[in-house]
Amino acid sequence: MKRFGGDVDWSGLEEARANLWHRQLHIFLHPFYYIEYGIAQLGALQVWANSKEDKSRALSDYQKALALGGSRPLPELFQAAGARFDFSAETVKPLVQLIRKELDALKASSESAGTGK
């Protein structure tokens, strides 16, 4: 809330502010809602990582997975897309490293553009 709270003065209302997350009803009504986002990101990041290595193969694998629609279990859809349905460090760590590398490159590019280099 500090980041997106705007100009609201919360003085004396700290407890109310701390509990604003309760207003996100889907946390209670649909508790797996955010987990689905995590699962989707796991697959999307792996497809993206694959595209950094071989764009046409990554696209082809992704299209194969899409063609299967909901006819196969999710782990098989991931596999068809060239991804692993696995939340272990072995799968996630390389994705985090790639994201950090990309963010560092963007930051460097932004800084050099800002200085006219």
Protein backbone atom coordinates (compact mmCIF):
# COMPACT_ATOMS: atom_id res chain seq x y z
CA MET A 1 0.00 0.00 0.00
CA LYS A 2 2.87 2.40 0.54
CA ARG A 3 3.80 2.12 -3.09
CA PHE A 4 0.30 2.52 -4.53
CA GLY A 5 -1.47 4.35 -1.69
CA GLY A 6 -1.43 7.71 -3.37
CA ASP A 7 -1.75 10.82 -1.24
CA VAL A 8 -3.93 9.25 1.46
CA ASP A 9 -2.90 10.10 5.01
CA TRP A 10 -3.19 6.84 6.96
CA SER A 11 -2.13 8.36 10.30
CA GLY A 12 -3.99 6.57 13.09
CA LEU A 13 -5.37 4.01 10.63
CA GLU A 14 -2.31 1.77 10.33
CA GLU A 15 -4.24 -1.35 11.41
CA ALA A 16 -6.95 -0.76 8.81
CA ARG A 17 -4.30 -0.19 6.17
CA ALA A 18 -2.49 -3.40 7.13
CA ASN A 19 -5.72 -5.35 6.60
CA LEU A 20 -6.69 -3.93 3.21
CA TRP A 21 -5.50 -7.12 1.54
CA HIS A 22 -8.66 -8.75 2.96
CA ARG A 23 -10.60 -6.83 0.32
CA GLN A 24 -9.17 -9.14 -2.34
CA LEU A 25 -12.14 -11.51 -2.20
CA HIS A 26 -10.74 -13.98 -4.70
CA ILE A 27 -8.10 -14.92 -2.10
CA PHE A 28 -10.98 -16.38 -0.08
CA LEU A 29 -13.46 -17.33 -2.79
CA HIS A 30 -10.97 -18.72 -5.31
CA PRO A 31 -7.81 -19.51 -3.33
CA PHE A 32 -5.97 -21.09 -6.27
CA TYR A 33 -6.37 -17.97 -8.40
CA TYR A 34 -2.86 -16.68 -7.73
CA ILE A 35 -1.36 -20.15 -7.95
CA GLU A 36 -2.69 -20.36 -11.50
CA TYR A 37 -0.76 -17.20 -12.31
CA GLY A 38 2.41 -18.79 -10.95
CA ILE A 39 1.87 -21.94 -12.98
CA ALA A 40 1.23 -19.89 -16.13
CA GLN A 41 4.36 -17.82 -15.53
CA LEU A 42 6.45 -20.95 -15.06
CA GLY A 43 5.44 -22.16 -18.52
CA ALA A 44 5.62 -18.75 -20.19
CA LEU A 45 9.11 -18.06 -18.86
CA GLN A 46 10.36 -21.42 -20.07
CA VAL A 47 8.92 -20.86 -23.54
CA TRP A 48 10.56 -17.42 -23.55
CA ALA A 49 13.88 -18.93 -22.40
CA ASN A 50 13.61 -21.51 -25.18
CA SER A 51 12.95 -18.72 -27.69
CA LYS A 52 16.20 -17.06 -26.66
CA GLU A 53 17.98 -20.23 -27.79
CA ASP A 54 15.92 -21.18 -30.87
CA LYS A 55 12.95 -18.98 -31.78
CA SER A 56 11.45 -21.16 -34.48
CA ARG A 57 11.62 -24.33 -32.39
CA ALA A 58 10.14 -22.55 -29.35
CA LEU A 59 7.29 -21.23 -31.49
CA SER A 60 6.69 -24.63 -33.06
CA ASP A 61 6.63 -26.35 -29.65
CA TYR A 62 4.30 -23.69 -28.28
CA GLN A 63 1.94 -24.12 -31.22
CA LYS A 64 1.96 -27.91 -30.65
CA ALA A 65 0.92 -27.35 -27.06
CA LEU A 66 -1.82 -24.91 -28.06
CA ALA A 67 -3.15 -27.39 -30.62
CA LEU A 68 -3.67 -29.91 -27.81
CA GLY A 69 -5.95 -27.47 -26.03
CA GLY A 70 -7.36 -28.91 -22.84
CA SER A 71 -7.24 -32.47 -24.14
CA ARG A 72 -4.14 -33.41 -22.16
CA PRO A 73 -3.10 -32.97 -18.53
CA LEU A 74 -1.16 -29.80 -17.79
CA PRO A 75 2.24 -31.51 -17.38
CA GLU A 76 1.84 -32.95 -20.90
CA LEU A 77 0.93 -29.53 -22.28
CA PHE A 78 4.05 -28.08 -20.70
CA GLN A 79 6.11 -30.90 -22.19
CA ALA A 80 4.63 -30.30 -25.65
CA ALA A 81 5.61 -26.63 -25.28
CA GLY A 82 9.19 -27.60 -24.45
CA ALA A 83 8.72 -26.75 -20.78
CA ARG A 84 8.77 -28.66 -17.51
CA PHE A 85 5.88 -28.67 -15.05
CA ASP A 86 8.28 -28.49 -12.14
CA PHE A 87 8.72 -25.88 -9.43
CA SER A 88 12.07 -27.18 -8.22
CA ALA A 89 15.17 -25.01 -7.99
CA GLU A 90 16.57 -26.93 -10.95
CA THR A 91 13.81 -25.50 -13.15
CA VAL A 92 13.24 -22.11 -11.54
CA LYS A 93 16.83 -20.99 -10.87
CA PRO A 94 17.90 -20.72 -14.54
CA LEU A 95 14.74 -18.71 -15.24
CA VAL A 96 15.54 -16.29 -12.41
CA GLN A 97 19.09 -15.95 -13.71
CA LEU A 98 17.83 -15.20 -17.22
CA ILE A 99 15.38 -12.61 -15.91
CA ARG A 100 18.14 -10.93 -13.88
CA LYS A 101 20.39 -10.89 -16.93
CA GLU A 102 17.65 -9.31 -19.06
CA LEU A 103 16.83 -6.72 -16.39
CA ASP A 104 20.50 -5.83 -16.02
CA ALA A 105 20.77 -5.39 -19.79
CA LEU A 106 17.67 -3.17 -19.84
CA LYS A 107 19.01 -1.10 -16.96
CA ALA A 108 22.38 -0.68 -18.68
CA SER A 109 20.66 0.26 -21.93
CA SER A 110 18.44 2.75 -20.13
CA GLU A 111 21.37 4.30 -18.29
CA SER A 112 23.46 4.65 -21.44
CA ALA A 113 20.51 6.17 -23.31
CA GLY A 114 20.00 8.66 -20.49
CA THR A 115 23.62 9.79 -20.59
CA GLY A 116 23.78 10.02 -24.36
CA LYS A 117 26.33 7.23 -24.71
